[in-house]
C-alpha atoms as a PDB file:
ATOM      1  CA  MET A   1     145.496  70.243 -15.418  1.00  0.00           C
ATOM      2  CA  GLN A   2     143.229  73.021 -14.230  1.00  0.00           C
ATOM      3  CA  THR A   3     141.833  72.564 -10.767  1.00  0.00           C
ATOM      4  CA  HIS A   4     138.244  73.435 -11.599  1.00  0.00           C
ATOM      5  CA  TYR A   5     135.940  74.216 -14.468  1.00  0.00           C
ATOM      6  CA  GLY A   6     132.356  74.789 -13.414  1.00  0.00           C
ATOM      7  CA  GLY A   7     130.643  71.440 -13.691  1.00  0.00           C
ATOM      8  CA  GLU A   8     133.564  69.591 -15.309  1.00  0.00           C
ATOM      9  CA  ILE A   9     135.216  66.545 -13.798  1.00  0.00           C
ATOM     10  CA  ILE A  10     138.820  67.427 -13.088  1.00  0.00           C
ATOM     11  CA  MET A  11     141.748  65.348 -14.272  1.00  0.00           C
ATOM     12  CA  SER A  12     144.542  66.365 -11.925  1.00  0.00           C
ATOM     13  CA  LEU A  13     148.100  65.625 -12.980  1.00  0.00           C
ATOM     14  CA  THR A  14     149.924  64.565  -9.876  1.00  0.00           C
ATOM     15  CA  ILE A  15     151.670  61.646 -11.525  1.00  0.00           C
ATOM     16  CA  SER A  16     153.091  58.982  -9.228  1.00  0.00           C
ATOM     17  CA  GLY A  17     154.337  56.706 -11.968  1.00  0.00           C
ATOM     18  CA  GLU A  18     153.403  54.898 -15.114  1.00  0.00           C
ATOM     19  CA  GLY A  19     152.623  51.425 -16.364  1.00  0.00           C
ATOM     20  CA  GLY A  20     150.642  48.787 -14.543  1.00  0.00           C
ATOM     21  CA  GLY A  21     149.055  47.460 -17.725  1.00  0.00           C
ATOM     22  CA  GLY A  22     149.071  43.967 -19.141  1.00  0.00           C
ATOM     23  CA  ASP A  23     146.674  41.149 -19.923  1.00  0.00           C
ATOM     24  CA  LEU A  24     143.996  40.311 -17.381  1.00  0.00           C
ATOM     25  CA  PRO A  25     144.139  36.790 -15.967  1.00  0.00           C
ATOM     26  CA  ASN A  26     140.925  34.890 -15.373  1.00  0.00           C
ATOM     27  CA  LEU A  27     139.839  36.241 -12.005  1.00  0.00           C
ATOM     28  CA  GLN A  28     136.788  34.335 -10.823  1.00  0.00           C
ATOM     29  CA  PRO A  29     133.486  36.146 -10.121  1.00  0.00           C
ATOM     30  CA  GLY A  30     133.124  37.345  -6.553  1.00  0.00           C
ATOM     31  CA  ILE A  31     133.663  40.308  -4.222  1.00  0.00           C
ATOM     32  CA  TYR A  32     137.256  41.408  -3.716  1.00  0.00           C
ATOM     33  CA  GLN A  33     139.225  44.063  -1.902  1.00  0.00           C
ATOM     34  CA  GLY A  34     141.006  46.420  -4.248  1.00  0.00           C
ATOM     35  CA  THR A  35     142.608  49.813  -4.731  1.00  0.00           C
ATOM     36  CA  CYS A  36     142.213  52.312  -7.555  1.00  0.00           C
ATOM     37  CA  TYR A  37     145.596  52.773  -9.223  1.00  0.00           C
ATOM     38  CA  SER A  38     144.901  54.064 -12.733  1.00  0.00           C
ATOM     39  CA  ILE A  39     142.713  56.840 -14.170  1.00  0.00           C
ATOM     40  CA  VAL A  40     142.775  57.430 -17.926  1.00  0.00           C
ATOM     41  CA  ASP A  41     141.015  60.234 -19.761  1.00  0.00           C
ATOM     42  CA  MET A  42     139.792  58.471 -22.927  1.00  0.00           C
ATOM     43  CA  GLY A  43     138.474  61.585 -24.652  1.00  0.00           C
ATOM     44  CA  THR A  44     135.198  62.057 -26.519  1.00  0.00           C
ATOM     45  CA  THR A  45     133.876  59.560 -29.053  1.00  0.00           C
ATOM     46  CA  ASP A  46     130.560  58.609 -30.620  1.00  0.00           C
ATOM     47  CA  GLN A  47     128.759  56.057 -28.469  1.00  0.00           C
ATOM     48  CA  GLU A  48     125.541  54.218 -29.288  1.00  0.00           C
ATOM     49  CA  TYR A  49     122.908  53.469 -26.658  1.00  0.00           C
ATOM     50  CA  LYS A  50     119.511  51.977 -27.494  1.00  0.00           C
ATOM     51  CA  GLY A  51     119.957  52.866 -31.128  1.00  0.00           C
ATOM     52  CA  VAL A  52     120.873  56.496 -30.459  1.00  0.00           C
ATOM     53  CA  THR A  53     124.397  57.746 -31.180  1.00  0.00           C
ATOM     54  CA  SER A  54     125.779  60.659 -29.156  1.00  0.00           C
ATOM     55  CA  LYS A  55     129.143  62.110 -28.208  1.00  0.00           C
ATOM     56  CA  LYS A  56     130.364  60.952 -24.807  1.00  0.00           C
ATOM     57  CA  THR A  57     133.523  61.804 -22.881  1.00  0.00           C
ATOM     58  CA  ARG A  58     134.815  58.707 -21.124  1.00  0.00           C
ATOM     59  CA  VAL A  59     137.109  57.975 -18.210  1.00  0.00           C
ATOM     60  CA  HIS A  60     138.718  54.617 -17.468  1.00  0.00           C
ATOM     61  CA  LEU A  61     139.234  53.476 -13.853  1.00  0.00           C
ATOM     62  CA  CYS A  62     141.438  50.482 -13.060  1.00  0.00           C
ATOM     63  CA  PHE A  63     141.717  48.704  -9.720  1.00  0.00           C
ATOM     64  CA  GLU A  64     144.298  46.268  -8.421  1.00  0.00           C
ATOM     65  CA  ILE A  65     142.866  43.297  -6.520  1.00  0.00           C
ATOM     66  CA  THR A  66     144.841  43.124  -3.313  1.00  0.00           C
ATOM     67  CA  HIS A  67     143.444  40.056  -1.530  1.00  0.00           C
ATOM     68  CA  ALA A  68     142.679  37.402  -4.149  1.00  0.00           C
ATOM     69  CA  LEU A  69     143.107  33.783  -2.997  1.00  0.00           C
ATOM     70  CA  ASP A  70     142.784  30.473  -4.830  1.00  0.00           C
ATOM     71  CA  PRO A  71     140.796  27.530  -3.349  1.00  0.00           C
ATOM     72  CA  GLU A  72     143.905  26.544  -1.360  1.00  0.00           C
ATOM     73  CA  ASN A  73     144.153  30.091   0.060  1.00  0.00           C
ATOM     74  CA  ASN A  74     147.258  30.905  -1.940  1.00  0.00           C
ATOM     75  CA  PRO A  75     147.556  34.489  -3.207  1.00  0.00           C
ATOM     76  CA  ILE A  76     146.515  34.900  -6.839  1.00  0.00           C
ATOM     77  CA  THR A  77     148.676  37.296  -8.818  1.00  0.00           C
ATOM     78  CA  MET A  78     149.789  38.001 -12.362  1.00  0.00           C
ATOM     79  CA  GLU A  79     152.683  35.922 -13.687  1.00  0.00           C
ATOM     80  CA  ASP A  80     155.101  38.716 -12.768  1.00  0.00           C
ATOM     81  CA  GLY A  81     153.792  38.872  -9.193  1.00  0.00           C
ATOM     82  CA  ARG A  82     151.693  42.014  -9.607  1.00  0.00           C
ATOM     83  CA  PRO A  83     148.071  41.941  -8.445  1.00  0.00           C
ATOM     84  CA  PHE A  84     145.184  41.380 -10.826  1.00  0.00           C
ATOM     85  CA  GLY A  85     143.771  44.452 -12.524  1.00  0.00           C
ATOM     86  CA  VAL A  86     140.093  44.995 -13.302  1.00  0.00           C
ATOM     87  CA  PHE A  87     138.679  48.075 -14.979  1.00  0.00           C
ATOM     88  CA  LYS A  88     135.528  49.902 -15.945  1.00  0.00           C
ATOM     89  CA  THR A  89     135.024  52.668 -18.473  1.00  0.00           C
ATOM     90  CA  TYR A  90     132.510  55.361 -17.540  1.00  0.00           C
ATOM     91  CA  THR A  91     130.878  58.295 -19.225  1.00  0.00           C
ATOM     92  CA  ALA A  92     132.449  61.277 -17.423  1.00  0.00           C
ATOM     93  CA  SER A  93     129.218  62.541 -15.921  1.00  0.00           C
ATOM     94  CA  LEU A  94     127.861  62.871 -12.402  1.00  0.00           C
ATOM     95  CA  PHE A  95     124.229  63.312 -13.332  1.00  0.00           C
ATOM     96  CA  GLU A  96     121.951  61.543 -10.874  1.00  0.00           C
ATOM     97  CA  ALA A  97     121.401  58.600 -13.245  1.00  0.00           C
ATOM     98  CA  ALA A  98     125.040  58.347 -14.392  1.00  0.00           C
ATOM     99  CA  ALA A  99     126.819  55.062 -13.737  1.00  0.00           C
ATOM    100  CA  LEU A 100     129.901  56.897 -12.439  1.00  0.00           C
ATOM    101  CA  ARG A 101     127.895  58.757  -9.814  1.00  0.00           C
ATOM    102  CA  LYS A 102     126.058  55.613  -8.729  1.00  0.00           C
ATOM    103  CA  ASP A 103     129.294  53.676  -8.314  1.00  0.00           C
ATOM    104  CA  LEU A 104     131.064  56.536  -6.514  1.00  0.00           C
ATOM    105  CA  GLU A 105     128.205  56.968  -4.054  1.00  0.00           C
ATOM    106  CA  SER A 106     128.049  53.229  -3.406  1.00  0.00           C
ATOM    107  CA  TRP A 107     131.835  53.194  -3.012  1.00  0.00           C
ATOM    108  CA  ARG A 108     131.992  56.114  -0.567  1.00  0.00           C
ATOM    109  CA  GLY A 109     128.920  54.916   1.333  1.00  0.00           C
ATOM    110  CA  LYS A 110     126.817  58.066   1.029  1.00  0.00           C
ATOM    111  CA  SER A 111     125.265  60.387  -1.522  1.00  0.00           C
ATOM    112  CA  PHE A 112     126.909  63.566  -2.710  1.00  0.00           C
ATOM    113  CA  SER A 113     125.589  66.799  -1.258  1.00  0.00           C
ATOM    114  CA  GLU A 114     124.694  69.743  -3.467  1.00  0.00           C
ATOM    115  CA  GLN A 115     127.824  71.501  -2.245  1.00  0.00           C
ATOM    116  CA  GLU A 116     129.993  68.522  -3.124  1.00  0.00           C
ATOM    117  CA  LEU A 117     128.527  68.411  -6.622  1.00  0.00           C
ATOM    118  CA  LYS A 118     130.252  71.661  -7.559  1.00  0.00           C
ATOM    119  CA  GLY A 119     133.637  70.255  -8.413  1.00  0.00           C
ATOM    120  CA  PHE A 120     135.177  66.811  -8.205  1.00  0.00           C
ATOM    121  CA  ASP A 121     138.884  66.096  -8.599  1.00  0.00           C
ATOM    122  CA  ILE A 122     138.800  62.568  -9.945  1.00  0.00           C
ATOM    123  CA  SER A 123     142.513  62.114  -9.235  1.00  0.00           C
ATOM    124  CA  ASN A 124     141.632  61.786  -5.552  1.00  0.00           C
ATOM    125  CA  LEU A 125     140.427  58.250  -6.323  1.00  0.00           C
ATOM    126  CA  ILE A 126     144.022  57.066  -6.727  1.00  0.00           C
ATOM    127  CA  GLY A 127     144.984  54.928  -3.738  1.00  0.00           C
ATOM    128  CA  CYS A 128     141.407  54.642  -2.417  1.00  0.00           C
ATOM    129  CA  THR A 129     140.346  51.211  -1.235  1.00  0.00           C
ATOM    130  CA  ALA A 130     137.110  49.583  -2.373  1.00  0.00           C
ATOM    131  CA  ARG A 131     135.100  46.373  -2.298  1.00  0.00           C
ATOM    132  CA  ILE A 132     134.737  45.325  -5.910  1.00  0.00           C
ATOM    133  CA  GLU A 133     132.091  42.976  -7.262  1.00  0.00           C
ATOM    134  CA  VAL A 134     133.636  41.168 -10.206  1.00  0.00           C
ATOM    135  CA  GLY A 135     131.727  39.282 -12.886  1.00  0.00           C
ATOM    136  CA  HIS A 136     132.581  38.019 -16.346  1.00  0.00           C
ATOM    137  CA  THR A 137     131.798  39.254 -19.826  1.00  0.00           C
ATOM    138  CA  ALA A 138     129.938  36.942 -22.197  1.00  0.00           C
ATOM    139  CA  LYS A 139     131.951  34.016 -23.543  1.00  0.00           C
ATOM    140  CA  THR A 140     133.317  34.362 -27.071  1.00  0.00           C
ATOM    141  CA  ASP A 141     135.586  32.345 -29.341  1.00  0.00           C
ATOM    142  CA  PHE A 142     138.335  34.849 -28.532  1.00  0.00           C
ATOM    143  CA  SER A 143     137.634  34.629 -24.789  1.00  0.00           C
ATOM    144  CA  PRO A 144     135.928  31.277 -24.096  1.00  0.00           C
ATOM    145  CA  GLY A 145     135.881  31.875 -20.355  1.00  0.00           C
ATOM    146  CA  GLY A 146     134.775  35.489 -20.542  1.00  0.00           C
ATOM    147  CA  LYS A 147     136.829  38.322 -19.105  1.00  0.00           C
ATOM    148  CA  PRO A 148     136.653  39.869 -15.632  1.00  0.00           C
ATOM    149  CA  LYS A 149     134.542  43.025 -15.398  1.00  0.00           C
ATOM    150  CA  ILE A 150     133.434  45.313 -12.585  1.00  0.00           C
ATOM    151  CA  LEU A 151     129.766  44.900 -11.707  1.00  0.00           C
ATOM    152  CA  ALA A 152     129.694  47.218  -8.689  1.00  0.00           C
ATOM    153  CA  LEU A 153     131.882  49.232  -6.324  1.00  0.00           C
ATOM    154  CA  ARG A 154     131.069  49.098  -2.623  1.00  0.00           C
ATOM    155  CA  GLU A 155     132.303  50.728   0.542  1.00  0.00           C
ATOM    156  CA  PRO A 156     134.845  48.607   2.447  1.00  0.00           C
ATOM    157  CA  ARG A 157     133.620  47.389   5.827  1.00  0.00           C
ATOM    158  CA  GLU A 158     136.301  49.483   7.540  1.00  0.00           C
ATOM    159  CA  GLY A 159     135.497  52.502   5.364  1.00  0.00           C
ATOM    160  CA  VAL A 160     137.416  53.919   2.411  1.00  0.00           C
ATOM    161  CA  LYS A 161     141.115  54.332   3.176  1.00  0.00           C
ATOM    162  CA  LYS A 162     143.959  55.991   1.295  1.00  0.00           C
ATOM    163  CA  VAL A 163     146.832  53.533   0.784  1.00  0.00           C
ATOM    164  CA  ASP A 164     149.934  53.118  -1.347  1.00  0.00           C
ATOM    165  CA  THR A 165     149.298  51.226  -4.577  1.00  0.00           C
ATOM    166  CA  ILE A 166     151.288  48.144  -5.506  1.00  0.00           C
ATOM    167  CA  ASN A 167     151.256  48.967  -9.215  1.00  0.00           C
ATOM    168  CA  ASP A 168     152.651  52.334 -10.222  1.00  0.00           C
ATOM    169  CA  ALA A 169     149.900  54.940  -9.934  1.00  0.00           C
ATOM    170  CA  VAL A 170     148.800  56.338 -13.308  1.00  0.00           C
ATOM    171  CA  ILE A 171     146.839  59.466 -14.163  1.00  0.00           C
ATOM    172  CA  PHE A 172     146.620  60.179 -17.887  1.00  0.00           C
ATOM    173  CA  ASP A 173     145.360  63.641 -18.818  1.00  0.00           C
ATOM    174  CA  LEU A 174     144.516  63.763 -22.521  1.00  0.00           C
ATOM    175  CA  ASP A 175     144.483  67.561 -22.721  1.00  0.00           C
ATOM    176  CA  VAL A 176     148.021  67.881 -21.373  1.00  0.00           C
ATOM    177  CA  TYR A 177     149.202  65.009 -23.587  1.00  0.00           C
ATOM    178  CA  LEU A 178     147.860  66.849 -26.629  1.00  0.00           C
ATOM    179  CA  ASP A 179     149.875  69.949 -25.711  1.00  0.00           C
ATOM    180  CA  ASP A 180     152.791  68.070 -27.241  1.00  0.00           C
ATOM    181  CA  PHE A 181     150.984  68.238 -30.593  1.00  0.00           C
ATOM    182  CA  ARG A 182     150.019  71.890 -30.141  1.00  0.00           C
ATOM    183  CA  GLY A 183     153.577  73.170 -29.852  1.00  0.00           C
ATOM    184  CA  LYS A 184     153.179  73.626 -26.077  1.00  0.00           C
ATOM    185  CA  GLN A 185     155.701  71.020 -24.994  1.00  0.00           C
ATOM    186  CA  SER A 186     156.416  70.895 -21.286  1.00  0.00           C
ATOM    187  CA  PRO A 187     157.751  68.399 -18.745  1.00  0.00           C
ATOM    188  CA  GLU A 188     154.123  67.583 -17.959  1.00  0.00           C
ATOM    189  CA  SER A 189     153.213  66.893 -21.601  1.00  0.00           C
ATOM    190  CA  LYS A 190     156.341  64.764 -22.001  1.00  0.00           C
ATOM    191  CA  ALA A 191     155.334  62.779 -18.913  1.00  0.00           C
ATOM    192  CA  MET A 192     151.906  62.238 -20.485  1.00  0.00           C
ATOM    193  CA  CYS A 193     153.620  60.954 -23.659  1.00  0.00           C
ATOM    194  CA  ASP A 194     155.536  58.406 -21.597  1.00  0.00           C
ATOM    195  CA  ILE A 195     152.333  57.294 -19.900  1.00  0.00           C
ATOM    196  CA  PHE A 196     150.452  57.102 -23.212  1.00  0.00           C
ATOM    197  CA  PHE A 197     153.005  54.757 -24.767  1.00  0.00           C
ATOM    198  CA  ALA A 198     152.898  52.548 -21.661  1.00  0.00           C
ATOM    199  CA  LEU A 199     149.119  52.100 -22.018  1.00  0.00           C
ATOM    200  CA  PRO A 200     147.751  48.940 -23.681  1.00  0.00           C
ATOM    201  CA  THR A 201     147.551  49.275 -27.452  1.00  0.00           C
ATOM    202  CA  TRP A 202     143.753  48.979 -27.475  1.00  0.00           C
ATOM    203  CA  GLN A 203     143.559  51.910 -25.081  1.00  0.00           C
ATOM    204  CA  GLN A 204     145.928  53.977 -27.209  1.00  0.00           C
ATOM    205  CA  SER A 205     143.758  53.261 -30.252  1.00  0.00           C
ATOM    206  CA  ASP A 206     140.620  54.342 -28.393  1.00  0.00           C
ATOM    207  CA  ILE A 207     142.265  57.606 -27.367  1.00  0.00           C
ATOM    208  CA  GLU A 208     143.547  58.229 -30.893  1.00  0.00           C
ATOM    209  CA  SER A 209     139.985  57.875 -32.221  1.00  0.00           C
ATOM    210  CA  SER A 210     138.707  60.621 -29.897  1.00  0.00           C
ATOM    211  CA  TYR A 211     137.572  63.991 -31.206  1.00  0.00           C
ATOM    212  CA  GLU A 212     140.210  65.708 -29.062  1.00  0.00           C
ATOM    213  CA  TYR A 213     143.074  63.702 -30.550  1.00  0.00           C
ATOM    214  CA  GLN A 214     141.796  63.994 -34.104  1.00  0.00           C
ATOM    215  CA  ALA A 215     141.517  67.784 -33.745  1.00  0.00           C
ATOM    216  CA  VAL A 216     145.257  68.249 -33.236  1.00  0.00           C
ATOM    217  CA  ASN A 217     146.799  65.179 -34.817  1.00  0.00           C
ATOM    218  CA  PRO A 218     149.052  66.215 -37.730  1.00  0.00           C
ATOM    219  CA  GLY A 219     147.731  65.134 -41.091  1.00  0.00           C
ATOM    220  CA  GLN A 220     144.104  65.986 -40.526  1.00  0.00           C
ATOM    221  CA  GLY A 221     144.413  68.879 -43.011  1.00  0.00           C
ATOM    222  CA  SER A 222     141.304  70.928 -43.604  1.00  0.00           C
ATOM    223  CA  GLU A 223     139.372  68.844 -41.116  1.00  0.00           C
ATOM    224  CA  GLN A 224     141.384  70.271 -38.241  1.00  0.00           C
ATOM    225  CA  GLY A 225     139.520  73.555 -38.062  1.00  0.00           C
ATOM    226  CA  SER A 226     136.040  72.055 -38.020  1.00  0.00           C
ATOM    227  CA  MET A 227     137.174  69.317 -35.653  1.00  0.00           C
ATOM    228  CA  ALA A 228     138.685  71.881 -33.285  1.00  0.00           C
ATOM    229  CA  ASP A 229     135.411  73.797 -33.285  1.00  0.00           C
ATOM    230  CA  GLU A 230     133.596  70.560 -32.543  1.00  0.00           C
ATOM    231  CA  VAL A 231     135.881  69.863 -29.574  1.00  0.00           C
ATOM    232  CA  SER A 232     135.373  73.418 -28.282  1.00  0.00           C
ATOM    233  CA  ASN A 233     131.617  72.924 -28.449  1.00  0.00           C
ATOM    234  CA  LEU A 234     131.932  69.572 -26.695  1.00  0.00           C
ATOM    235  CA  THR A 235     133.955  71.152 -23.891  1.00  0.00           C
ATOM    236  CA  GLU A 236     131.348  73.869 -23.372  1.00  0.00           C
ATOM    237  CA  GLN A 237     128.568  71.295 -23.380  1.00  0.00           C
ATOM    238  CA  ALA A 238     130.449  69.103 -20.903  1.00  0.00           C
ATOM    239  CA  ALA A 239     130.664  72.026 -18.497  1.00  0.00           C
ATOM    240  CA  LYS A 240     126.883  72.304 -18.654  1.00  0.00           C
ATOM    241  CA  ASP A 241     126.187  68.589 -18.490  1.00  0.00           C
ATOM    242  CA  MET A 242     128.554  67.575 -15.699  1.00  0.00           C
ATOM    243  CA  ASN A 243     127.750  67.506 -12.030  1.00  0.00           C
ATOM    244  CA  ASP A 244     130.743  66.947  -9.799  1.00  0.00           C
ATOM    245  CA  SER A 245     131.683  66.573  -6.168  1.00  0.00           C
ATOM    246  CA  SER A 246     134.410  67.834  -3.825  1.00  0.00           C
ATOM    247  CA  PHE A 247     135.517  66.800  -0.384  1.00  0.00           C
ATOM    248  CA  ASP A 248     133.776  67.752   2.812  1.00  0.00           C
ATOM    249  CA  GLU A 249     135.279  67.570   6.269  1.00  0.00           C
ATOM    250  CA  ASP A 250     134.647  63.880   6.998  1.00  0.00           C
ATOM    251  CA  ASN A 251     137.140  61.036   6.629  1.00  0.00           C
ATOM    252  CA  ILE A 252     136.066  59.844   3.193  1.00  0.00           C
ATOM    253  CA  PRO A 253     139.067  60.309   0.854  1.00  0.00           C
ATOM    254  CA  PHE A 254     136.782  61.392  -2.003  1.00  0.00           C
END
């Protein structure tokens, strides 16, 4: 994808692999070491907060838990031997009060400077280590024990490091994926198609409900034009609303 749009979070497309999905086992609440291995552009949908509905562009970050032990100090992994995965979905904004900015600053161990807030390549998070506070969602009939969720991201005691992921690294760029629907097929858009179909079905459904997907999905008929205009307006607004960060010369990988 493009390297920089003024004020827009960048979804770079250096794809290391695909996959790494699957059901989440019941990881117990606590603080774990982990590594970011998946970044998914979820597109723009209507979101309700305190009774107010607004259009929000969302990004999904997934981390593999690399040092989970049971009470007998045996490694805890998925049934196939892969590490646990925990995720959090953020509004793609780096405003001062945005959850993404708060977690990134806690994760990197310092605030963003004004210079850094001019452009942030979110793909740089892939392979970055973190301390992850894990809690559980509320118990339901469908999930009587609750499901693991990220409560906070913290800086590792040894500082953030760049490491190889155990799961295949995934970066899904919705805009490039949609090129396949726009008649702009390319090796990159085909790679995005492969990644899309490897995502969990619930994630695919979320993406397919986005304004961006609906604007180009065949079968929308007369709605396509108005939807495309809506997406264009959303993109322009995102450029105004976003604050982003880029690297400085220290050793923090992002």
